[in-house]
N, C-alpha and C. Protein backbone atom coordinates (compact mmCIF):
# COMPACT_ATOMS: atom_id res chain seq x y z
N MET A 1 104.42 145.00 54.64
CA MET A 1 105.00 144.65 55.92
C MET A 1 104.15 145.20 57.07
N LEU A 2 103.66 146.40 56.92
CA LEU A 2 102.85 147.02 57.94
C LEU A 2 101.50 146.30 58.09
N GLU A 3 100.95 145.82 56.99
CA GLU A 3 99.70 145.07 57.06
C GLU A 3 99.89 143.76 57.80
N PHE A 4 101.00 143.08 57.56
CA PHE A 4 101.29 141.83 58.25
C PHE A 4 101.47 142.07 59.75
N ALA A 5 102.17 143.13 60.11
CA ALA A 5 102.38 143.44 61.53
C ALA A 5 101.05 143.75 62.23
N GLY A 6 100.12 144.34 61.53
CA GLY A 6 98.82 144.62 62.11
C GLY A 6 97.95 143.37 62.22
N PHE A 7 98.14 142.44 61.30
CA PHE A 7 97.34 141.22 61.28
C PHE A 7 97.92 140.12 62.17
N LEU A 8 99.20 140.22 62.53
CA LEU A 8 99.87 139.19 63.30
C LEU A 8 99.22 138.92 64.67
N PRO A 9 98.84 139.92 65.45
CA PRO A 9 98.18 139.61 66.73
C PRO A 9 96.87 138.84 66.57
N ILE A 10 96.12 139.16 65.55
CA ILE A 10 94.87 138.44 65.31
C ILE A 10 95.18 137.00 64.91
N LEU A 11 96.17 136.81 64.09
CA LEU A 11 96.56 135.47 63.67
C LEU A 11 97.04 134.64 64.86
N LEU A 12 97.82 135.23 65.74
CA LEU A 12 98.29 134.52 66.93
C LEU A 12 97.13 134.18 67.87
N LEU A 13 96.19 135.10 68.02
CA LEU A 13 95.03 134.84 68.88
C LEU A 13 94.18 133.69 68.33
N VAL A 14 93.98 133.65 67.04
CA VAL A 14 93.22 132.56 66.43
C VAL A 14 93.96 131.24 66.61
N GLY A 15 95.27 131.26 66.45
CA GLY A 15 96.06 130.03 66.65
C GLY A 15 95.99 129.53 68.08
N LEU A 16 96.11 130.42 69.06
CA LEU A 16 96.03 130.02 70.46
C LEU A 16 94.63 129.54 70.82
N ALA A 17 93.61 130.16 70.25
CA ALA A 17 92.24 129.71 70.51
C ALA A 17 92.01 128.31 69.92
N THR A 18 92.62 128.03 68.79
CA THR A 18 92.51 126.70 68.19
C THR A 18 93.19 125.65 69.07
N ILE A 19 94.35 125.98 69.61
CA ILE A 19 95.03 125.06 70.51
C ILE A 19 94.21 124.85 71.78
N GLN A 20 93.61 125.92 72.31
CA GLN A 20 92.76 125.79 73.50
C GLN A 20 91.58 124.88 73.23
N LEU A 21 90.98 125.00 72.06
CA LEU A 21 89.87 124.12 71.69
C LEU A 21 90.35 122.67 71.62
N GLY A 22 91.55 122.45 71.14
CA GLY A 22 92.13 121.10 71.13
C GLY A 22 92.32 120.56 72.54
N LEU A 23 92.71 121.42 73.49
CA LEU A 23 92.86 120.99 74.88
C LEU A 23 91.52 120.61 75.50
N VAL A 24 90.46 121.30 75.12
CA VAL A 24 89.12 120.93 75.59
C VAL A 24 88.75 119.55 75.07
N GLY A 25 89.02 119.30 73.80
CA GLY A 25 88.75 117.98 73.22
C GLY A 25 89.58 116.89 73.87
N TYR A 26 90.84 117.19 74.17
CA TYR A 26 91.72 116.21 74.83
C TYR A 26 91.20 115.88 76.22
N ALA A 27 90.77 116.89 76.97
CA ALA A 27 90.23 116.65 78.31
C ALA A 27 88.94 115.83 78.23
N ALA A 28 88.10 116.09 77.25
CA ALA A 28 86.87 115.32 77.08
C ALA A 28 87.18 113.87 76.73
N ASN A 29 88.17 113.66 75.89
CA ASN A 29 88.59 112.31 75.53
C ASN A 29 89.11 111.56 76.75
N GLN A 30 89.94 112.21 77.54
CA GLN A 30 90.49 111.58 78.74
C GLN A 30 89.39 111.27 79.76
N ALA A 31 88.43 112.17 79.91
CA ALA A 31 87.33 111.94 80.85
C ALA A 31 86.49 110.75 80.40
N GLY A 32 86.23 110.63 79.12
CA GLY A 32 85.47 109.49 78.61
C GLY A 32 86.21 108.18 78.80
N SER A 33 87.50 108.17 78.54
CA SER A 33 88.30 106.96 78.74
C SER A 33 88.33 106.55 80.20
N GLY A 34 88.51 107.52 81.09
CA GLY A 34 88.54 107.24 82.52
C GLY A 34 87.21 106.72 83.03
N ALA A 35 86.11 107.30 82.53
CA ALA A 35 84.78 106.87 82.96
C ALA A 35 84.50 105.44 82.51
N ARG A 36 84.84 105.12 81.27
CA ARG A 36 84.61 103.75 80.78
C ARG A 36 85.45 102.74 81.54
N ALA A 37 86.72 103.05 81.79
CA ALA A 37 87.59 102.13 82.52
C ALA A 37 87.13 101.95 83.96
N ALA A 38 86.73 103.04 84.60
CA ALA A 38 86.27 102.95 85.99
C ALA A 38 84.98 102.14 86.09
N ALA A 39 84.04 102.37 85.20
CA ALA A 39 82.78 101.63 85.24
C ALA A 39 83.00 100.15 84.93
N ARG A 40 83.87 99.86 83.98
CA ARG A 40 84.16 98.47 83.63
C ARG A 40 84.79 97.73 84.80
N ALA A 41 85.79 98.34 85.43
CA ALA A 41 86.48 97.70 86.55
C ALA A 41 85.55 97.54 87.75
N ALA A 42 84.77 98.56 88.05
CA ALA A 42 83.86 98.48 89.20
C ALA A 42 82.75 97.45 88.96
N SER A 43 82.31 97.29 87.72
CA SER A 43 81.26 96.30 87.44
C SER A 43 81.78 94.88 87.60
N GLN A 44 83.10 94.71 87.54
CA GLN A 44 83.72 93.40 87.72
C GLN A 44 84.21 93.19 89.15
N GLY A 45 83.96 94.16 90.02
CA GLY A 45 84.33 94.01 91.42
C GLY A 45 85.69 94.58 91.79
N ASP A 46 86.36 95.22 90.85
CA ASP A 46 87.67 95.82 91.12
C ASP A 46 87.50 97.28 91.54
N SER A 47 88.62 97.94 91.81
CA SER A 47 88.58 99.36 92.19
C SER A 47 88.37 100.23 90.96
N GLY A 48 87.23 100.87 90.89
CA GLY A 48 86.93 101.73 89.76
C GLY A 48 87.77 102.99 89.75
N GLN A 49 88.05 103.56 90.93
CA GLN A 49 88.86 104.78 90.99
C GLN A 49 90.27 104.52 90.47
N ALA A 50 90.86 103.40 90.86
CA ALA A 50 92.22 103.10 90.41
C ALA A 50 92.27 102.86 88.91
N ALA A 51 91.30 102.14 88.38
CA ALA A 51 91.27 101.86 86.94
C ALA A 51 91.02 103.14 86.15
N GLY A 52 90.14 103.99 86.64
CA GLY A 52 89.86 105.24 85.94
C GLY A 52 91.07 106.16 85.93
N ALA A 53 91.77 106.24 87.06
CA ALA A 53 92.97 107.08 87.13
C ALA A 53 94.07 106.54 86.24
N ALA A 54 94.20 105.21 86.16
CA ALA A 54 95.23 104.61 85.32
C ALA A 54 94.96 104.81 83.83
N ALA A 55 93.70 104.96 83.46
CA ALA A 55 93.34 105.12 82.05
C ALA A 55 93.52 106.54 81.54
N MET A 56 93.74 107.49 82.46
CA MET A 56 93.86 108.90 82.07
C MET A 56 95.29 109.39 82.21
N ASP A 57 95.55 110.53 81.60
CA ASP A 57 96.84 111.20 81.74
C ASP A 57 97.00 111.65 83.19
N GLY A 58 98.10 111.27 83.82
CA GLY A 58 98.32 111.57 85.23
C GLY A 58 98.53 113.05 85.51
N ASP A 59 98.82 113.85 84.50
CA ASP A 59 99.05 115.27 84.70
C ASP A 59 97.75 116.08 84.77
N LEU A 60 96.63 115.48 84.43
CA LEU A 60 95.36 116.18 84.46
C LEU A 60 94.74 116.07 85.85
N SER A 61 94.14 117.15 86.29
CA SER A 61 93.44 117.16 87.57
C SER A 61 92.04 116.60 87.34
N SER A 62 91.69 115.53 88.08
CA SER A 62 90.42 114.88 87.83
C SER A 62 89.82 114.35 89.12
N SER A 63 88.52 114.08 89.07
CA SER A 63 87.83 113.42 90.17
C SER A 63 86.98 112.30 89.59
N ILE A 64 86.95 111.17 90.30
CA ILE A 64 86.25 109.98 89.83
C ILE A 64 85.26 109.55 90.90
N ALA A 65 84.01 109.34 90.49
CA ALA A 65 82.98 108.85 91.39
C ALA A 65 82.35 107.61 90.77
N VAL A 66 82.27 106.54 91.55
CA VAL A 66 81.70 105.29 91.07
C VAL A 66 80.52 104.94 91.95
N GLY A 67 79.40 104.59 91.34
CA GLY A 67 78.21 104.18 92.08
C GLY A 67 77.51 103.05 91.36
N GLY A 68 76.91 102.20 92.13
CA GLY A 68 76.19 101.08 91.55
C GLY A 68 74.78 101.04 92.05
N GLY A 69 73.96 100.41 91.29
CA GLY A 69 72.58 100.24 91.71
C GLY A 69 71.92 99.21 90.82
N GLY A 70 71.48 98.13 91.41
CA GLY A 70 70.81 97.11 90.62
C GLY A 70 71.77 96.34 89.76
N ASP A 71 71.51 96.35 88.47
CA ASP A 71 72.29 95.54 87.54
C ASP A 71 73.41 96.31 86.84
N THR A 72 73.59 97.59 87.16
CA THR A 72 74.59 98.40 86.47
C THR A 72 75.48 99.15 87.45
N THR A 73 76.62 99.54 86.95
CA THR A 73 77.55 100.39 87.69
C THR A 73 77.82 101.62 86.83
N THR A 74 77.76 102.79 87.46
CA THR A 74 77.97 104.04 86.75
C THR A 74 79.18 104.76 87.32
N ALA A 75 80.02 105.25 86.44
CA ALA A 75 81.19 106.04 86.84
C ALA A 75 81.09 107.42 86.21
N THR A 76 81.39 108.43 87.00
CA THR A 76 81.39 109.81 86.53
C THR A 76 82.78 110.39 86.76
N VAL A 77 83.37 110.94 85.73
CA VAL A 77 84.71 111.52 85.80
C VAL A 77 84.63 112.98 85.39
N GLU A 78 85.22 113.84 86.22
CA GLU A 78 85.33 115.26 85.91
C GLU A 78 86.79 115.61 85.76
N VAL A 79 87.16 116.21 84.64
CA VAL A 79 88.55 116.58 84.34
C VAL A 79 88.63 118.09 84.16
N GLN A 80 89.60 118.70 84.83
CA GLN A 80 89.86 120.13 84.65
C GLN A 80 90.56 120.34 83.31
N VAL A 81 90.06 121.27 82.53
CA VAL A 81 90.66 121.57 81.23
C VAL A 81 91.88 122.45 81.44
N PRO A 82 93.05 122.05 80.92
CA PRO A 82 94.22 122.93 81.01
C PRO A 82 93.99 124.18 80.18
N THR A 83 94.39 125.33 80.71
CA THR A 83 94.19 126.59 79.98
C THR A 83 95.51 127.09 79.43
N LEU A 84 95.45 127.60 78.24
CA LEU A 84 96.62 128.13 77.56
C LEU A 84 96.58 129.65 77.51
N LEU A 85 95.40 130.19 77.33
CA LEU A 85 95.25 131.64 77.21
C LEU A 85 95.12 132.26 78.60
N PRO A 86 95.88 133.29 78.90
CA PRO A 86 95.88 133.85 80.26
C PRO A 86 94.58 134.55 80.64
N PHE A 87 93.82 135.04 79.68
CA PHE A 87 92.61 135.79 80.00
C PHE A 87 91.37 134.89 80.08
N ILE A 88 91.56 133.58 79.94
CA ILE A 88 90.45 132.63 80.09
C ILE A 88 90.53 132.06 81.50
N GLY A 89 89.41 131.99 82.18
CA GLY A 89 89.38 131.45 83.54
C GLY A 89 89.85 130.00 83.58
N SER A 90 90.38 129.61 84.72
CA SER A 90 90.91 128.25 84.85
C SER A 90 89.91 127.30 85.48
N ASP A 91 88.64 127.66 85.51
CA ASP A 91 87.65 126.82 86.15
C ASP A 91 86.82 126.01 85.15
N TRP A 92 87.37 125.72 83.99
CA TRP A 92 86.70 124.90 83.00
C TRP A 92 86.85 123.44 83.39
N SER A 93 85.81 122.69 83.24
CA SER A 93 85.91 121.25 83.47
C SER A 93 85.00 120.52 82.49
N VAL A 94 85.34 119.26 82.25
CA VAL A 94 84.57 118.40 81.37
C VAL A 94 84.14 117.20 82.20
N THR A 95 82.86 116.83 82.12
CA THR A 95 82.35 115.69 82.87
C THR A 95 81.80 114.65 81.90
N LYS A 96 82.22 113.42 82.10
CA LYS A 96 81.72 112.30 81.29
C LYS A 96 81.23 111.20 82.22
N GLN A 97 80.25 110.46 81.77
CA GLN A 97 79.66 109.40 82.56
C GLN A 97 79.56 108.14 81.70
N ALA A 98 79.81 106.98 82.33
CA ALA A 98 79.69 105.70 81.63
C ALA A 98 78.98 104.72 82.55
N THR A 99 78.16 103.87 81.95
CA THR A 99 77.44 102.84 82.69
C THR A 99 77.73 101.48 82.08
N MET A 100 78.05 100.51 82.93
CA MET A 100 78.35 99.16 82.49
C MET A 100 77.48 98.18 83.26
N PRO A 101 77.08 97.08 82.61
CA PRO A 101 76.32 96.05 83.35
C PRO A 101 77.24 95.31 84.31
N ASN A 102 76.69 94.96 85.46
CA ASN A 102 77.47 94.20 86.44
C ASN A 102 77.63 92.76 85.97
N ASP A 103 78.80 92.19 86.25
CA ASP A 103 79.03 90.79 85.95
C ASP A 103 78.23 89.94 86.92
N ASP A 104 77.60 88.94 86.40
CA ASP A 104 76.86 88.01 87.27
C ASP A 104 77.82 86.94 87.76
N ALA A 105 77.69 86.58 89.02
CA ALA A 105 78.50 85.49 89.56
C ALA A 105 78.03 84.18 88.93
N PRO A 106 78.96 83.31 88.57
CA PRO A 106 78.55 82.04 87.96
C PRO A 106 77.81 81.17 88.98
N ASP A 107 76.77 80.51 88.50
CA ASP A 107 76.01 79.62 89.36
C ASP A 107 76.71 78.28 89.46
N ASP A 108 76.85 77.77 90.69
CA ASP A 108 77.49 76.48 90.89
C ASP A 108 76.50 75.41 91.16
């Protein structure tokens, strides 16, 4: 019993660190989805910011930047990683970028 009580804090810390790593993966997944949706919508002439925000979890703090040049449109999304452990700083963020070809207007 005494050995388990001594090992329990380490076990809890490993469990919380595993959950925190899962939150980093979730934020990266959401940033990638938002970047792809924003780039796709902007390449078709729609609002990339609105499409990117709609593709992500609304509870995450994020910023979306869309830029075009030439034949492609690029969207960059930065998502703040939610923190679970109190001793880890809250300034973690994940940035993903996606580039899509612009739709050509049909020739008449």
